Every structure is written in C-alpha cells, then in structure tokens.
Amino acid sequence: MTNEQTFKTNSKFKYVTYEPDADSWYFAFEDKTSFFLTTFWRLLHNNKIEMVSLDNGNQFGVPKLVDLVEMLTKILTGKSLLEIKVKQDTADLLLTLTDNIQIEIFISSTGYESYNFSLDNKNYYGLGSGDIAVFENK
C-alpha cells in the first residue's frame, strides 16, 4: 500500500476530453501536467458534489444529455491546479484547484491501472492494489 504523497503545483487548466469508446477522460494542464483516467471521478465545489463522471451522457429528465466536457470546460477555464494528493493505502487522488474546487479520482479495479498522471518529468500509475508506480520520462 502506498504512503500519502502531496505534490504542489500551480498549473493552469488547458482542456478536457472524453473518449466514449474507451470510456476514458484526459485532463490537460500547463507545464505538461496531465491526467488520463479510466475510472470514475467527481468534482466538488465548496465541498459539495457538483458532478460525477458516471453522469456523462445521461438525460435525467432534462431537455438534453449531460455533457460533462462542456460543463467542465466552463467551470475549470481560468482555474489552476494547486495540489495533487495521493491518498494513503488506496492511492485515490485528490486534486485541489483554485476557487475551492476539488476533483476526487478513485481506484476502481483491483487488477487494472485506473489512472496515470504526468508531473515534473515523471509518470504515476494508480495500481489496483492501492499502490502507485512511478516512472521517469527519458
């Protein structure tokens, strides 16, 4: 199991994409900081759940399907990523952004990598066992 780790950063949000065929998300920030997710996540604002990735593409009785790429782009544009916390034992991630926004990213498989992120010339992989693997870019 992993020990808790915290990385400080000040990287502005660039864009987010969703690939429906792979059910994967990609969050890009400046300074080559990025997150590739094949797991579910949720966004909190002022400690209140604002959106959950599993809601993407659902209708929920409103006139159009929920488009989280559009919603995230509106919310995160102009925001900066301040901190990445790898939680002890589970290796779940907690991203802290400006304006009291947080994104929680969860390990959702015991056998597959649920996420990877790039920061400071290293790649971090969230393993199903609650560990994290780290590789240096060459």
Protein backbone atom coordinates (compact mmCIF):
# COMPACT_ATOMS: atom_id res chain seq x y z
CA MET A 1 0.00 0.00 0.00
CA THR A 2 1.14 3.49 -0.77
CA ASN A 3 2.07 6.22 1.65
CA GLU A 4 0.27 9.53 1.30
CA GLN A 5 2.06 11.86 -1.10
CA THR A 6 1.36 15.50 -1.90
CA PHE A 7 2.62 17.42 -4.90
CA LYS A 8 2.37 21.21 -5.06
CA THR A 9 1.85 22.84 -8.44
CA ASN A 10 0.40 25.96 -9.99
CA SER A 11 -0.63 24.78 -13.42
CA LYS A 12 -3.49 26.36 -15.37
CA PHE A 13 -6.24 24.19 -16.84
CA LYS A 14 -5.99 23.79 -20.64
CA TYR A 15 -8.69 21.33 -21.72
CA VAL A 16 -10.54 18.08 -21.02
CA THR A 17 -11.62 15.34 -23.43
CA TYR A 18 -13.74 12.23 -23.16
CA GLU A 19 -13.35 9.15 -25.37
CA PRO A 20 -16.63 7.18 -25.26
CA ASP A 21 -15.28 4.03 -26.96
CA ALA A 22 -12.62 3.66 -24.24
CA ASP A 23 -14.72 5.36 -21.53
CA SER A 24 -11.67 7.45 -20.69
CA TRP A 25 -11.01 11.03 -19.66
CA TYR A 26 -8.00 13.25 -20.30
CA PHE A 27 -7.38 16.42 -18.27
CA ALA A 28 -4.59 18.68 -19.57
CA PHE A 29 -2.89 21.46 -17.64
CA GLU A 30 0.04 23.72 -18.44
CA ASP A 31 3.61 22.60 -17.71
CA LYS A 32 2.90 19.17 -19.27
CA THR A 33 0.79 18.13 -16.28
CA SER A 34 -1.95 15.73 -17.36
CA PHE A 35 -4.27 13.01 -16.09
CA PHE A 36 -5.55 10.02 -18.06
CA LEU A 37 -8.46 8.29 -16.32
CA THR A 38 -10.23 5.01 -17.00
CA THR A 39 -12.10 5.29 -13.73
CA PHE A 40 -14.82 7.41 -12.24
CA TRP A 41 -14.28 10.80 -10.65
CA ARG A 42 -16.35 13.52 -9.07
CA LEU A 43 -15.99 17.29 -8.87
CA LEU A 44 -16.70 19.13 -5.65
CA HIS A 45 -17.17 22.86 -5.23
CA ASN A 46 -17.18 24.20 -1.68
CA ASN A 47 -17.23 20.55 -0.51
CA LYS A 48 -20.50 19.87 -2.37
CA ILE A 49 -20.69 17.26 -5.15
CA GLU A 50 -21.32 19.18 -8.40
CA MET A 51 -20.81 16.39 -10.94
CA VAL A 52 -19.85 12.74 -11.21
CA SER A 53 -18.25 11.25 -14.31
CA LEU A 54 -20.82 8.44 -14.43
CA ASP A 55 -23.50 11.07 -15.20
CA ASN A 56 -21.94 11.94 -18.57
CA GLY A 57 -24.35 11.23 -21.45
CA ASN A 58 -27.39 10.68 -19.22
CA GLN A 59 -30.55 12.72 -19.63
CA PHE A 60 -32.04 12.83 -16.10
CA GLY A 61 -35.35 14.25 -17.33
CA VAL A 62 -33.81 17.44 -18.75
CA PRO A 63 -34.03 18.52 -22.40
CA LYS A 64 -30.53 17.38 -23.42
CA LEU A 65 -27.94 14.82 -22.44
CA VAL A 66 -25.46 15.78 -19.71
CA ASP A 67 -22.23 16.89 -21.44
CA LEU A 68 -19.55 16.92 -18.76
CA VAL A 69 -16.81 18.02 -21.19
CA GLU A 70 -18.77 21.21 -21.84
CA MET A 71 -19.61 21.69 -18.17
CA LEU A 72 -16.03 21.04 -17.00
CA THR A 73 -14.62 23.40 -19.59
CA LYS A 74 -16.86 26.18 -18.31
CA ILE A 75 -16.03 25.50 -14.66
CA LEU A 76 -12.28 24.88 -14.99
CA THR A 77 -11.31 27.53 -17.56
CA GLY A 78 -9.08 30.08 -15.81
CA LYS A 79 -8.54 27.80 -12.80
CA SER A 80 -5.19 26.46 -11.64
CA LEU A 81 -4.28 23.08 -10.22
CA LEU A 82 -2.66 23.77 -6.84
CA GLU A 83 -2.14 20.33 -5.32
CA ILE A 84 -2.24 16.64 -6.15
CA LYS A 85 -2.67 14.32 -3.18
CA VAL A 86 -2.22 10.57 -3.46
CA LYS A 87 -4.21 9.15 -0.57
CA GLN A 88 -2.59 6.68 1.78
CA ASP A 89 -3.41 2.99 1.31
CA THR A 90 -5.91 3.44 -1.58
CA ALA A 91 -3.85 5.63 -3.96
CA ASP A 92 -7.04 7.54 -4.79
CA LEU A 93 -6.27 11.08 -5.97
CA LEU A 94 -7.49 14.40 -4.70
CA LEU A 95 -6.83 17.35 -7.00
CA THR A 96 -7.20 20.79 -5.44
CA LEU A 97 -7.82 23.74 -7.74
CA THR A 98 -8.41 27.43 -7.22
CA ASP A 99 -11.86 28.70 -6.12
CA ASN A 100 -12.34 25.79 -3.69
CA ILE A 101 -12.74 23.18 -6.46
CA GLN A 102 -11.61 19.60 -5.92
CA ILE A 103 -11.64 16.55 -8.16
CA GLU A 104 -11.64 13.13 -6.49
CA ILE A 105 -10.34 10.26 -8.64
CA PHE A 106 -10.94 6.71 -7.44
CA ILE A 107 -9.18 3.39 -7.97
CA SER A 108 -12.00 1.30 -9.45
CA SER A 109 -10.32 -2.02 -10.23
CA THR A 110 -8.21 -4.45 -8.26
CA GLY A 111 -6.49 -5.68 -11.43
CA TYR A 112 -6.05 -2.73 -13.78
CA GLU A 113 -4.49 0.72 -13.59
CA SER A 114 -7.31 3.23 -13.03
CA TYR A 115 -5.33 6.36 -13.85
CA ASN A 116 -1.99 7.77 -14.75
CA PHE A 117 -0.73 11.28 -14.41
CA SER A 118 2.33 13.13 -15.61
CA LEU A 119 4.12 15.70 -13.49
CA ASP A 120 7.69 17.01 -13.40
CA ASN A 121 9.03 14.58 -15.98
CA LYS A 122 7.56 11.53 -14.18
CA ASN A 123 4.55 9.31 -14.82
CA TYR A 124 2.50 7.97 -11.91
CA TYR A 125 0.18 4.96 -12.30
CA GLY A 126 -2.59 4.14 -9.85
CA LEU A 127 -2.48 0.36 -9.42
CA GLY A 128 -5.41 -1.84 -8.48
CA SER A 129 -3.72 -2.89 -5.26
CA GLY A 130 -3.76 0.65 -3.86
CA ASP A 131 -0.15 1.22 -4.80
CA ILE A 132 1.32 3.73 -7.20
CA ALA A 133 4.07 3.04 -9.72
CA VAL A 134 6.44 5.84 -10.73
CA PHE A 135 8.45 6.02 -13.96
CA GLU A 136 10.85 8.76 -15.05
CA ASN A 137 10.47 10.11 -18.59
CA LYS A 138 13.65 9.83 -20.61
